[in-house]
Structure formats: structure tokens, C-alpha cells
N, C-alpha and C. Protein backbone atom coordinates (compact mmCIF):
# COMPACT_ATOMS: atom_id res chain seq x y z
N UNK A 1 3.80 8.66 -2.00
CA UNK A 1 3.98 9.18 -0.51
C UNK A 1 4.87 10.53 -0.77
N UNK A 2 4.52 11.53 -1.51
CA UNK A 2 5.25 12.65 -1.79
C UNK A 2 4.38 13.68 -0.91
N UNK A 3 3.27 13.46 -0.18
CA UNK A 3 2.60 14.56 0.64
C UNK A 3 2.95 14.66 1.81
N UNK A 4 3.78 13.15 2.42
CA UNK A 4 4.20 13.10 3.47
C UNK A 4 5.07 14.28 4.23
N UNK A 5 5.32 14.49 5.55
CA UNK A 5 6.43 15.08 6.21
C UNK A 5 7.81 14.17 6.40
N UNK A 6 8.87 15.31 6.12
CA UNK A 6 10.07 14.49 6.54
C UNK A 6 10.26 15.15 7.73
N UNK A 7 11.46 14.61 8.45
CA UNK A 7 12.28 15.10 9.47
C UNK A 7 13.51 15.21 8.56
N UNK A 8 13.72 16.79 8.44
CA UNK A 8 15.38 16.95 7.84
C UNK A 8 16.31 17.34 8.42
N UNK A 9 17.54 16.62 8.30
CA UNK A 9 18.82 17.35 9.31
C UNK A 9 19.67 18.04 8.45
N UNK A 10 20.06 19.13 8.75
CA UNK A 10 20.94 20.00 7.75
C UNK A 10 22.33 20.40 8.75
N UNK A 11 23.06 19.66 7.95
CA UNK A 11 24.55 19.95 8.75
C UNK A 11 25.41 21.06 7.75
N UNK A 12 25.83 21.79 8.38
CA UNK A 12 27.14 23.08 7.95
C UNK A 12 28.55 22.47 8.13
N UNK A 13 29.30 22.02 7.13
CA UNK A 13 30.77 21.78 7.15
C UNK A 13 31.20 23.16 7.53
N UNK A 14 31.13 23.96 7.81
CA UNK A 14 32.10 25.12 7.75
C UNK A 14 31.91 25.33 8.97
N UNK A 15 31.00 25.76 9.66
CA UNK A 15 31.08 25.83 11.33
C UNK A 15 30.50 24.55 12.31
N UNK A 16 29.88 23.99 11.66
CA UNK A 16 29.55 22.59 12.55
C UNK A 16 28.23 22.54 12.80
N UNK A 17 27.52 23.89 12.50
CA UNK A 17 26.05 23.90 12.95
C UNK A 17 25.16 22.77 12.74
N UNK A 18 24.07 22.63 13.53
CA UNK A 18 23.38 21.32 13.00
C UNK A 18 21.80 21.95 13.24
N UNK A 19 20.87 21.77 12.07
CA UNK A 19 19.51 21.93 12.24
C UNK A 19 18.54 21.14 12.20
N UNK A 20 17.60 21.03 12.69
CA UNK A 20 16.79 19.50 12.65
C UNK A 20 15.12 20.43 12.41
N UNK A 21 14.72 20.25 11.10
CA UNK A 21 13.35 20.95 10.66
C UNK A 21 12.48 19.64 9.99
N UNK A 22 11.28 20.34 10.12
CA UNK A 22 10.33 19.49 9.32
C UNK A 22 10.07 19.82 7.89
N UNK A 23 9.71 19.07 7.19
CA UNK A 23 9.70 19.80 5.66
C UNK A 23 8.62 18.59 4.72
N UNK A 24 8.30 19.08 3.70
CA UNK A 24 7.76 18.37 2.82
C UNK A 24 8.75 18.30 1.21
N UNK A 25 8.53 16.91 0.60
CA UNK A 25 9.12 16.91 -0.68
C UNK A 25 8.27 17.41 -1.88
N UNK A 26 9.32 18.37 -2.64
CA UNK A 26 8.45 19.07 -3.62
C UNK A 26 8.64 17.95 -5.03
N UNK A 27 7.66 18.26 -6.08
CA UNK A 27 7.88 17.84 -7.03
C UNK A 27 9.13 17.48 -7.91
N UNK A 28 10.01 18.47 -7.80
CA UNK A 28 11.32 18.19 -8.19
C UNK A 28 12.39 17.36 -7.58
N UNK A 29 11.98 16.70 -6.11
CA UNK A 29 12.66 15.51 -5.44
C UNK A 29 13.07 16.75 -4.17
N UNK A 30 13.40 17.78 -4.23
CA UNK A 30 14.07 18.59 -3.07
C UNK A 30 13.14 18.56 -1.97
N UNK A 31 13.69 19.22 -0.66
CA UNK A 31 12.90 18.94 0.71
C UNK A 31 12.65 20.59 0.81
N UNK A 32 11.40 21.23 0.94
CA UNK A 32 11.24 22.46 1.67
C UNK A 32 10.77 22.62 2.92
N UNK A 33 11.87 23.23 3.40
CA UNK A 33 11.56 23.57 4.78
C UNK A 33 11.68 25.13 5.23
N UNK A 34 12.06 26.05 4.21
CA UNK A 34 12.02 27.42 4.76
C UNK A 34 13.31 27.59 5.11
N UNK A 35 14.57 26.45 5.13
CA UNK A 35 16.13 27.25 5.82
C UNK A 35 16.45 27.89 4.46
N UNK A 36 17.37 28.57 4.46
CA UNK A 36 17.84 29.63 3.33
C UNK A 36 19.27 29.72 3.61
N UNK A 37 19.86 29.49 4.94
CA UNK A 37 21.19 29.75 4.87
C UNK A 37 21.71 29.54 6.51
N UNK A 38 22.72 28.76 6.65
CA UNK A 38 23.35 28.74 7.94
C UNK A 38 23.79 30.30 8.78
N UNK A 39 23.99 30.27 10.01
CA UNK A 39 23.84 31.32 10.49
C UNK A 39 25.55 31.88 9.84
N UNK A 40 26.29 31.19 9.85
CA UNK A 40 27.66 31.53 9.28
C UNK A 40 27.68 32.21 8.18
N UNK A 41 26.68 32.03 7.22
CA UNK A 41 26.41 32.74 5.93
C UNK A 41 26.53 31.94 4.94
N UNK A 42 26.76 30.44 5.03
CA UNK A 42 26.94 29.39 4.00
C UNK A 42 25.53 28.81 3.85
N UNK A 43 25.39 29.10 2.56
CA UNK A 43 24.25 28.67 1.84
C UNK A 43 24.32 27.61 0.79
N UNK A 44 25.34 27.16 0.47
CA UNK A 44 25.51 26.33 -1.03
C UNK A 44 25.98 24.73 -0.39
N UNK A 45 26.82 24.86 0.66
CA UNK A 45 27.66 23.39 0.93
C UNK A 45 27.28 23.04 2.37
N UNK A 46 25.91 22.51 1.95
CA UNK A 46 25.16 21.96 3.06
C UNK A 46 24.99 20.22 3.12
N UNK A 47 25.03 19.63 4.33
CA UNK A 47 24.82 18.18 4.07
C UNK A 47 23.51 17.92 4.56
N UNK A 48 22.81 17.22 3.78
CA UNK A 48 20.79 17.08 3.91
C UNK A 48 20.43 15.74 3.95
N UNK A 49 20.23 15.40 5.45
CA UNK A 49 19.38 14.00 5.26
C UNK A 49 18.05 13.70 5.87
N UNK A 50 17.36 13.27 5.02
CA UNK A 50 15.71 13.08 5.48
C UNK A 50 15.39 11.55 5.98
N UNK A 51 14.23 11.68 6.71
CA UNK A 51 13.64 10.66 6.82
C UNK A 51 11.96 10.79 7.03
N UNK A 52 11.33 10.10 6.57
CA UNK A 52 9.77 10.16 6.79
C UNK A 52 9.34 10.33 8.40
N UNK A 53 8.68 11.12 8.32
CA UNK A 53 7.97 10.77 9.98
C UNK A 53 6.76 10.07 9.95
């Protein structure tokens, strides 16, 4: 089921911002959503939760 879509919730512990995106799982096990970094500039320390749609 690696081709299914996922609801991905990304939370930034630095500023508290929350993003809800849709994405797909890559072959390496990561989620591809197009998200690069938070509005506060944080790009590394993010909490990511994903659930199948």
C-alpha cells in the first residue's frame, strides 16, 4: 500500500505552528508532501504524524 495517500500532520515545537498536508510515502519510508520548513525557519526539529486516507 505504498501508493496510497496519507494525511500528514507536521507540528513545529519551536513556534507551535501546525500544518495538515496530504502526501505519499516514498520508497525510503519518508513522506513526500512538498513541505520544506516552518514559517519560523525551523527545518529540522519537526514532529510528523501520518495516517492513511
